[in-house]
Amino acid sequence: MAKNPRWQDLSVQTKMRIVIMGVVQVVLLAAALWDIRRRPATEIRGRKVAWLAVSFINFVGPIAYFVFGRKPAAVLPEGVWTE
């Protein structure tokens, strides 16, 4: 079985990839949590609490929420303005 490498043993490229993926994960999670908090329950498929829990699954959770959890926005007929 291979020994786990230490951080200082990793190449600069590998370290950068790990940091970038970590940042992407945190941004996805923050965006999903923010959207779940501000969006009314009527615009979310399922329960908000369930989507909050799912959002904490790395990468898959927030992406699943944005793809499957949000109901599509209502399309207004042409010429109708809302302010």
PDB file of N, CA and C in Angstrom:
ATOM      1  N   MET A   1       0.846  -1.172   0.000  1.00  0.00           N
ATOM      2  CA  MET A   1       0.000   0.000   0.000  1.00  0.00           C
ATOM      3  C   MET A   1       0.899   1.245   0.000  1.00  0.00           C
ATOM      4  N   ALA A   2       0.574   2.217  -0.851  1.00  0.00           N
ATOM      5  CA  ALA A   2       1.385   3.423  -0.965  1.00  0.00           C
ATOM      6  C   ALA A   2       1.162   4.327   0.242  1.00  0.00           C
ATOM      7  N   LYS A   3       2.231   4.956   0.647  1.00  0.00           N
ATOM      8  CA  LYS A   3       2.174   5.884   1.775  1.00  0.00           C
ATOM      9  C   LYS A   3       1.569   7.209   1.291  1.00  0.00           C
ATOM     10  N   ASN A   4       0.741   7.835   2.125  1.00  0.00           N
ATOM     11  CA  ASN A   4       0.163   9.125   1.760  1.00  0.00           C
ATOM     12  C   ASN A   4       1.250  10.191   1.746  1.00  0.00           C
ATOM     13  N   PRO A   5       1.339  10.962   0.653  1.00  0.00           N
ATOM     14  CA  PRO A   5       2.363  12.005   0.601  1.00  0.00           C
ATOM     15  C   PRO A   5       2.019  13.165   1.539  1.00  0.00           C
ATOM     16  N   ARG A   6       3.030  13.815   2.051  1.00  0.00           N
ATOM     17  CA  ARG A   6       2.834  15.005   2.882  1.00  0.00           C
ATOM     18  C   ARG A   6       2.674  16.208   1.958  1.00  0.00           C
ATOM     19  N   TRP A   7       2.096  17.272   2.500  1.00  0.00           N
ATOM     20  CA  TRP A   7       1.841  18.474   1.711  1.00  0.00           C
ATOM     21  C   TRP A   7       3.128  18.990   1.075  1.00  0.00           C
ATOM     22  N   GLN A   8       4.198  19.036   1.845  1.00  0.00           N
ATOM     23  CA  GLN A   8       5.457  19.579   1.324  1.00  0.00           C
ATOM     24  C   GLN A   8       6.082  18.681   0.254  1.00  0.00           C
ATOM     25  N   ASP A   9       5.648  17.429   0.161  1.00  0.00           N
ATOM     26  CA  ASP A   9       6.166  16.525  -0.862  1.00  0.00           C
ATOM     27  C   ASP A   9       5.431  16.664  -2.195  1.00  0.00           C
ATOM     28  N   LEU A  10       4.304  17.360  -2.202  1.00  0.00           N
ATOM     29  CA  LEU A  10       3.522  17.523  -3.424  1.00  0.00           C
ATOM     30  C   LEU A  10       4.147  18.579  -4.324  1.00  0.00           C
ATOM     31  N   SER A  11       3.926  18.436  -5.628  1.00  0.00           N
ATOM     32  CA  SER A  11       4.430  19.434  -6.572  1.00  0.00           C
ATOM     33  C   SER A  11       3.584  20.702  -6.456  1.00  0.00           C
ATOM     34  N   VAL A  12       4.116  21.791  -6.966  1.00  0.00           N
ATOM     35  CA  VAL A  12       3.399  23.067  -6.935  1.00  0.00           C
ATOM     36  C   VAL A  12       2.098  22.941  -7.722  1.00  0.00           C
ATOM     37  N   GLN A  13       2.138  22.251  -8.854  1.00  0.00           N
ATOM     38  CA  GLN A  13       0.930  22.050  -9.662  1.00  0.00           C
ATOM     39  C   GLN A  13      -0.152  21.314  -8.876  1.00  0.00           C
ATOM     40  N   THR A  14       0.223  20.272  -8.194  1.00  0.00           N
ATOM     41  CA  THR A  14      -0.737  19.494  -7.408  1.00  0.00           C
ATOM     42  C   THR A  14      -1.311  20.330  -6.274  1.00  0.00           C
ATOM     43  N   LYS A  15      -0.474  21.103  -5.613  1.00  0.00           N
ATOM     44  CA  LYS A  15      -0.956  21.979  -4.539  1.00  0.00           C
ATOM     45  C   LYS A  15      -1.965  22.989  -5.083  1.00  0.00           C
ATOM     46  N   MET A  16      -1.653  23.579  -6.243  1.00  0.00           N
ATOM     47  CA  MET A  16      -2.555  24.566  -6.843  1.00  0.00           C
ATOM     48  C   MET A  16      -3.892  23.927  -7.212  1.00  0.00           C
ATOM     49  N   ARG A  17      -3.857  22.723  -7.756  1.00  0.00           N
ATOM     50  CA  ARG A  17      -5.102  22.027  -8.103  1.00  0.00           C
ATOM     51  C   ARG A  17      -5.958  21.784  -6.863  1.00  0.00           C
ATOM     52  N   ILE A  18      -5.325  21.366  -5.789  1.00  0.00           N
ATOM     53  CA  ILE A  18      -6.057  21.105  -4.544  1.00  0.00           C
ATOM     54  C   ILE A  18      -6.680  22.395  -4.013  1.00  0.00           C
ATOM     55  N   VAL A  19      -5.915  23.485  -4.028  1.00  0.00           N
ATOM     56  CA  VAL A  19      -6.420  24.773  -3.535  1.00  0.00           C
ATOM     57  C   VAL A  19      -7.573  25.261  -4.408  1.00  0.00           C
ATOM     58  N   ILE A  20      -7.419  25.170  -5.729  1.00  0.00           N
ATOM     59  CA  ILE A  20      -8.469  25.627  -6.645  1.00  0.00           C
ATOM     60  C   ILE A  20      -9.743  24.811  -6.452  1.00  0.00           C
ATOM     61  N   MET A  21      -9.612  23.503  -6.334  1.00  0.00           N
ATOM     62  CA  MET A  21     -10.792  22.659  -6.129  1.00  0.00           C
ATOM     63  C   MET A  21     -11.460  22.971  -4.784  1.00  0.00           C
ATOM     64  N   GLY A  22     -10.670  23.280  -3.780  1.00  0.00           N
ATOM     65  CA  GLY A  22     -11.229  23.667  -2.489  1.00  0.00           C
ATOM     66  C   GLY A  22     -12.009  24.966  -2.580  1.00  0.00           C
ATOM     67  N   VAL A  23     -11.460  25.931  -3.305  1.00  0.00           N
ATOM     68  CA  VAL A  23     -12.143  27.213  -3.484  1.00  0.00           C
ATOM     69  C   VAL A  23     -13.443  27.018  -4.258  1.00  0.00           C
ATOM     70  N   VAL A  24     -13.407  26.218  -5.319  1.00  0.00           N
ATOM     71  CA  VAL A  24     -14.614  25.943  -6.100  1.00  0.00           C
ATOM     72  C   VAL A  24     -15.683  25.299  -5.216  1.00  0.00           C
ATOM     73  N   GLN A  25     -15.284  24.352  -4.394  1.00  0.00           N
ATOM     74  CA  GLN A  25     -16.231  23.676  -3.493  1.00  0.00           C
ATOM     75  C   GLN A  25     -16.872  24.674  -2.531  1.00  0.00           C
ATOM     76  N   VAL A  26     -16.073  25.541  -1.938  1.00  0.00           N
ATOM     77  CA  VAL A  26     -16.595  26.519  -0.974  1.00  0.00           C
ATOM     78  C   VAL A  26     -17.530  27.509  -1.668  1.00  0.00           C
ATOM     79  N   VAL A  27     -17.173  27.955  -2.869  1.00  0.00           N
ATOM     80  CA  VAL A  27     -18.022  28.898  -3.608  1.00  0.00           C
ATOM     81  C   VAL A  27     -19.354  28.244  -3.980  1.00  0.00           C
ATOM     82  N   LEU A  28     -19.310  27.003  -4.468  1.00  0.00           N
ATOM     83  CA  LEU A  28     -20.551  26.290  -4.795  1.00  0.00           C
ATOM     84  C   LEU A  28     -21.440  26.138  -3.561  1.00  0.00           C
ATOM     85  N   LEU A  29     -20.849  25.737  -2.456  1.00  0.00           N
ATOM     86  CA  LEU A  29     -21.612  25.559  -1.220  1.00  0.00           C
ATOM     87  C   LEU A  29     -22.220  26.882  -0.764  1.00  0.00           C
ATOM     88  N   ALA A  30     -21.425  27.947  -0.761  1.00  0.00           N
ATOM     89  CA  ALA A  30     -21.922  29.256  -0.325  1.00  0.00           C
ATOM     90  C   ALA A  30     -23.057  29.738  -1.225  1.00  0.00           C
ATOM     91  N   ALA A  31     -22.912  29.562  -2.531  1.00  0.00           N
ATOM     92  CA  ALA A  31     -23.953  29.990  -3.468  1.00  0.00           C
ATOM     93  C   ALA A  31     -25.242  29.201  -3.249  1.00  0.00           C
ATOM     94  N   ALA A  32     -25.117  27.897  -3.048  1.00  0.00           N
ATOM     95  CA  ALA A  32     -26.307  27.068  -2.821  1.00  0.00           C
ATOM     96  C   ALA A  32     -26.994  27.452  -1.511  1.00  0.00           C
ATOM     97  N   LEU A  33     -26.224  27.620  -0.445  1.00  0.00           N
ATOM     98  CA  LEU A  33     -26.813  27.987   0.846  1.00  0.00           C
ATOM     99  C   LEU A  33     -27.487  29.351   0.776  1.00  0.00           C
ATOM    100  N   TRP A  34     -26.853  30.297   0.102  1.00  0.00           N
ATOM    101  CA  TRP A  34     -27.429  31.635  -0.048  1.00  0.00           C
ATOM    102  C   TRP A  34     -28.735  31.560  -0.832  1.00  0.00           C
ATOM    103  N   ASP A  35     -28.733  30.791  -1.926  1.00  0.00           N
ATOM    104  CA  ASP A  35     -29.925  30.694  -2.758  1.00  0.00           C
ATOM    105  C   ASP A  35     -31.068  29.994  -2.017  1.00  0.00           C
ATOM    106  N   ILE A  36     -30.757  28.937  -1.293  1.00  0.00           N
ATOM    107  CA  ILE A  36     -31.788  28.222  -0.528  1.00  0.00           C
ATOM    108  C   ILE A  36     -32.386  29.144   0.533  1.00  0.00           C
ATOM    109  N   ARG A  37     -31.546  29.934   1.169  1.00  0.00           N
ATOM    110  CA  ARG A  37     -32.016  30.839   2.233  1.00  0.00           C
ATOM    111  C   ARG A  37     -32.933  31.929   1.690  1.00  0.00           C
ATOM    112  N   ARG A  38     -32.608  32.512   0.555  1.00  0.00           N
ATOM    113  CA  ARG A  38     -33.379  33.648   0.052  1.00  0.00           C
ATOM    114  C   ARG A  38     -34.577  33.239  -0.807  1.00  0.00           C
ATOM    115  N   ARG A  39     -34.549  32.058  -1.383  1.00  0.00           N
ATOM    116  CA  ARG A  39     -35.615  31.613  -2.287  1.00  0.00           C
ATOM    117  C   ARG A  39     -36.816  31.102  -1.484  1.00  0.00           C
ATOM    118  N   PRO A  40     -38.035  31.530  -1.851  1.00  0.00           N
ATOM    119  CA  PRO A  40     -39.226  31.027  -1.153  1.00  0.00           C
ATOM    120  C   PRO A  40     -39.374  29.516  -1.352  1.00  0.00           C
ATOM    121  N   ALA A  41     -39.958  28.853  -0.378  1.00  0.00           N
ATOM    122  CA  ALA A  41     -40.132  27.396  -0.439  1.00  0.00           C
ATOM    123  C   ALA A  41     -40.967  26.973  -1.640  1.00  0.00           C
ATOM    124  N   THR A  42     -41.838  27.856  -2.111  1.00  0.00           N
ATOM    125  CA  THR A  42     -42.678  27.522  -3.267  1.00  0.00           C
ATOM    126  C   THR A  42     -41.872  27.427  -4.557  1.00  0.00           C
ATOM    127  N   GLU A  43     -40.664  27.967  -4.564  1.00  0.00           N
ATOM    128  CA  GLU A  43     -39.820  27.932  -5.760  1.00  0.00           C
ATOM    129  C   GLU A  43     -38.748  26.852  -5.687  1.00  0.00           C
ATOM    130  N   ILE A  44     -38.855  25.970  -4.692  1.00  0.00           N
ATOM    131  CA  ILE A  44     -37.879  24.893  -4.520  1.00  0.00           C
ATOM    132  C   ILE A  44     -38.613  23.564  -4.562  1.00  0.00           C
ATOM    133  N   ARG A  45     -38.070  22.620  -5.317  1.00  0.00           N
ATOM    134  CA  ARG A  45     -38.643  21.269  -5.348  1.00  0.00           C
ATOM    135  C   ARG A  45     -38.226  20.546  -4.074  1.00  0.00           C
ATOM    136  N   GLY A  46     -39.181  20.035  -3.331  1.00  0.00           N
ATOM    137  CA  GLY A  46     -38.861  19.341  -2.088  1.00  0.00           C
ATOM    138  C   GLY A  46     -38.747  20.317  -0.929  1.00  0.00           C
ATOM    139  N   ARG A  47     -38.210  19.814   0.178  1.00  0.00           N
ATOM    140  CA  ARG A  47     -38.098  20.625   1.390  1.00  0.00           C
ATOM    141  C   ARG A  47     -36.756  21.351   1.427  1.00  0.00           C
ATOM    142  N   LYS A  48     -36.785  22.568   1.929  1.00  0.00           N
ATOM    143  CA  LYS A  48     -35.557  23.351   2.054  1.00  0.00           C
ATOM    144  C   LYS A  48     -34.533  22.652   2.944  1.00  0.00           C
ATOM    145  N   VAL A  49     -34.998  22.057   4.035  1.00  0.00           N
ATOM    146  CA  VAL A  49     -34.092  21.388   4.972  1.00  0.00           C
ATOM    147  C   VAL A  49     -33.344  20.255   4.274  1.00  0.00           C
ATOM    148  N   ALA A  50     -34.045  19.522   3.434  1.00  0.00           N
ATOM    149  CA  ALA A  50     -33.402  18.418   2.707  1.00  0.00           C
ATOM    150  C   ALA A  50     -32.331  18.959   1.765  1.00  0.00           C
ATOM    151  N   TRP A  51     -32.623  20.041   1.057  1.00  0.00           N
ATOM    152  CA  TRP A  51     -31.636  20.610   0.138  1.00  0.00           C
ATOM    153  C   TRP A  51     -30.460  21.226   0.896  1.00  0.00           C
ATOM    154  N   LEU A  52     -30.718  21.751   2.087  1.00  0.00           N
ATOM    155  CA  LEU A  52     -29.607  22.244   2.909  1.00  0.00           C
ATOM    156  C   LEU A  52     -28.653  21.107   3.243  1.00  0.00           C
ATOM    157  N   ALA A  53     -29.200  19.970   3.634  1.00  0.00           N
ATOM    158  CA  ALA A  53     -28.362  18.811   3.970  1.00  0.00           C
ATOM    159  C   ALA A  53     -27.620  18.297   2.741  1.00  0.00           C
ATOM    160  N   VAL A  54     -28.317  18.191   1.619  1.00  0.00           N
ATOM    161  CA  VAL A  54     -27.698  17.692   0.383  1.00  0.00           C
ATOM    162  C   VAL A  54     -26.575  18.618  -0.070  1.00  0.00           C
ATOM    163  N   SER A  55     -26.721  19.906   0.163  1.00  0.00           N
ATOM    164  CA  SER A  55     -25.717  20.880  -0.285  1.00  0.00           C
ATOM    165  C   SER A  55     -24.340  20.643   0.317  1.00  0.00           C
ATOM    166  N   PHE A  56     -24.286  19.961   1.453  1.00  0.00           N
ATOM    167  CA  PHE A  56     -22.997  19.727   2.099  1.00  0.00           C
ATOM    168  C   PHE A  56     -22.243  18.521   1.535  1.00  0.00           C
ATOM    169  N   ILE A  57     -22.823  17.830   0.560  1.00  0.00           N
ATOM    170  CA  ILE A  57     -22.116  16.733  -0.112  1.00  0.00           C
ATOM    171  C   ILE A  57     -21.178  17.377  -1.136  1.00  0.00           C
ATOM    172  N   ASN A  58     -19.896  17.070  -1.038  1.00  0.00           N
ATOM    173  CA  ASN A  58     -18.892  17.727  -1.885  1.00  0.00           C
ATOM    174  C   ASN A  58     -19.277  17.743  -3.356  1.00  0.00           C
ATOM    175  N   PHE A  59     -19.213  18.908  -3.947  1.00  0.00           N
ATOM    176  CA  PHE A  59     -19.467  19.187  -5.351  1.00  0.00           C
ATOM    177  C   PHE A  59     -20.844  18.722  -5.817  1.00  0.00           C
ATOM    178  N   VAL A  60     -21.188  17.479  -5.567  1.00  0.00           N
ATOM    179  CA  VAL A  60     -22.429  16.900  -6.072  1.00  0.00           C
ATOM    180  C   VAL A  60     -23.650  17.590  -5.471  1.00  0.00           C
ATOM    181  N   GLY A  61     -23.612  17.887  -4.192  1.00  0.00           N
ATOM    182  CA  GLY A  61     -24.762  18.472  -3.510  1.00  0.00           C
ATOM    183  C   GLY A  61     -25.191  19.819  -4.069  1.00  0.00           C
ATOM    184  N   PRO A  62     -24.293  20.811  -4.090  1.00  0.00           N
ATOM    185  CA  PRO A  62     -24.693  22.105  -4.634  1.00  0.00           C
ATOM    186  C   PRO A  62     -25.098  22.040  -6.105  1.00  0.00           C
ATOM    187  N   ILE A  63     -24.386  21.235  -6.885  1.00  0.00           N
ATOM    188  CA  ILE A  63     -24.732  21.110  -8.306  1.00  0.00           C
ATOM    189  C   ILE A  63     -26.110  20.470  -8.448  1.00  0.00           C
ATOM    190  N   ALA A  64     -26.391  19.436  -7.653  1.00  0.00           N
ATOM    191  CA  ALA A  64     -27.710  18.790  -7.692  1.00  0.00           C
ATOM    192  C   ALA A  64     -28.804  19.787  -7.328  1.00  0.00           C
ATOM    193  N   TYR A  65     -28.548  20.638  -6.340  1.00  0.00           N
ATOM    194  CA  TYR A  65     -29.552  21.637  -5.965  1.00  0.00           C
ATOM    195  C   TYR A  65     -29.829  22.578  -7.130  1.00  0.00           C
ATOM    196  N   PHE A  66     -28.776  23.100  -7.762  1.00  0.00           N
ATOM    197  CA  PHE A  66     -28.980  24.051  -8.856  1.00  0.00           C
ATOM    198  C   PHE A  66     -29.641  23.399 -10.069  1.00  0.00           C
ATOM    199  N   VAL A  67     -29.387  22.122 -10.301  1.00  0.00           N
ATOM    200  CA  VAL A  67     -29.967  21.438 -11.462  1.00  0.00           C
ATOM    201  C   VAL A  67     -31.378  20.924 -11.163  1.00  0.00           C
ATOM    202  N   PHE A  68     -31.566  20.283 -10.006  1.00  0.00           N
ATOM    203  CA  PHE A  68     -32.828  19.612  -9.716  1.00  0.00           C
ATOM    204  C   PHE A  68     -33.680  20.292  -8.645  1.00  0.00           C
ATOM    205  N   GLY A  69     -33.099  21.072  -7.773  1.00  0.00           N
ATOM    206  CA  GLY A  69     -33.824  21.609  -6.628  1.00  0.00           C
ATOM    207  C   GLY A  69     -34.628  22.858  -6.896  1.00  0.00           C
ATOM    208  N   ARG A  70     -34.191  23.651  -7.846  1.00  0.00           N
ATOM    209  CA  ARG A  70     -34.894  24.905  -8.114  1.00  0.00           C
ATOM    210  C   ARG A  70     -35.934  24.704  -9.204  1.00  0.00           C
ATOM    211  N   LYS A  71     -37.092  25.281  -8.987  1.00  0.00           N
ATOM    212  CA  LYS A  71     -38.116  25.245 -10.029  1.00  0.00           C
ATOM    213  C   LYS A  71     -37.742  26.279 -11.084  1.00  0.00           C
ATOM    214  N   PRO A  72     -38.070  26.010 -12.348  1.00  0.00           N
ATOM    215  CA  PRO A  72     -37.739  26.979 -13.393  1.00  0.00           C
ATOM    216  C   PRO A  72     -38.474  28.301 -13.173  1.00  0.00           C
ATOM    217  N   ALA A  73     -37.829  29.381 -13.550  1.00  0.00           N
ATOM    218  CA  ALA A  73     -38.435  30.704 -13.409  1.00  0.00           C
ATOM    219  C   ALA A  73     -39.615  30.814 -14.372  1.00  0.00           C
ATOM    220  N   ALA A  74     -40.634  31.518 -13.929  1.00  0.00           N
ATOM    221  CA  ALA A  74     -41.801  31.730 -14.783  1.00  0.00           C
ATOM    222  C   ALA A  74     -41.413  32.658 -15.926  1.00  0.00           C
ATOM    223  N   VAL A  75     -41.839  32.316 -17.112  1.00  0.00           N
ATOM    224  CA  VAL A  75     -41.548  33.132 -18.286  1.00  0.00           C
ATOM    225  C   VAL A  75     -42.739  34.047 -18.517  1.00  0.00           C
ATOM    226  N   LEU A  76     -42.469  35.342 -18.565  1.00  0.00           N
ATOM    227  CA  LEU A  76     -43.530  36.313 -18.790  1.00  0.00           C
ATOM    228  C   LEU A  76     -43.784  36.456 -20.287  1.00  0.00           C
ATOM    229  N   PRO A  77     -45.038  36.710 -20.675  1.00  0.00           N
ATOM    230  CA  PRO A  77     -45.322  36.939 -22.090  1.00  0.00           C
ATOM    231  C   PRO A  77     -44.567  38.169 -22.587  1.00  0.00           C
ATOM    232  N   GLU A  78     -44.290  38.192 -23.874  1.00  0.00           N
ATOM    233  CA  GLU A  78     -43.542  39.310 -24.449  1.00  0.00           C
ATOM    234  C   GLU A  78     -44.318  40.606 -24.247  1.00  0.00           C
ATOM    235  N   GLY A  79     -43.616  41.647 -23.882  1.00  0.00           N
ATOM    236  CA  GLY A  79     -44.232  42.945 -23.677  1.00  0.00           C
ATOM    237  C   GLY A  79     -44.680  43.199 -22.244  1.00  0.00           C
ATOM    238  N   VAL A  80     -44.586  42.217 -21.380  1.00  0.00           N
ATOM    239  CA  VAL A  80     -44.977  42.392 -19.979  1.00  0.00           C
ATOM    240  C   VAL A  80     -43.736  42.754 -19.177  1.00  0.00           C
ATOM    241  N   TRP A  81     -43.809  43.851 -18.448  1.00  0.00           N
ATOM    242  CA  TRP A  81     -42.669  44.321 -17.649  1.00  0.00           C
ATOM    243  C   TRP A  81     -43.024  44.260 -16.178  1.00  0.00           C
ATOM    244  N   THR A  82     -42.064  43.894 -15.372  1.00  0.00           N
ATOM    245  CA  THR A  82     -42.260  43.947 -13.921  1.00  0.00           C
ATOM    246  C   THR A  82     -41.186  44.837 -13.330  1.00  0.00           C
ATOM    247  N   GLU A  83     -41.577  45.637 -12.377  1.00  0.00           N
ATOM    248  CA  GLU A  83     -40.598  46.521 -11.731  1.00  0.00           C
ATOM    249  C   GLU A  83     -40.765  46.479 -10.253  1.00  0.00           C
TER     250      GLU A  83
END
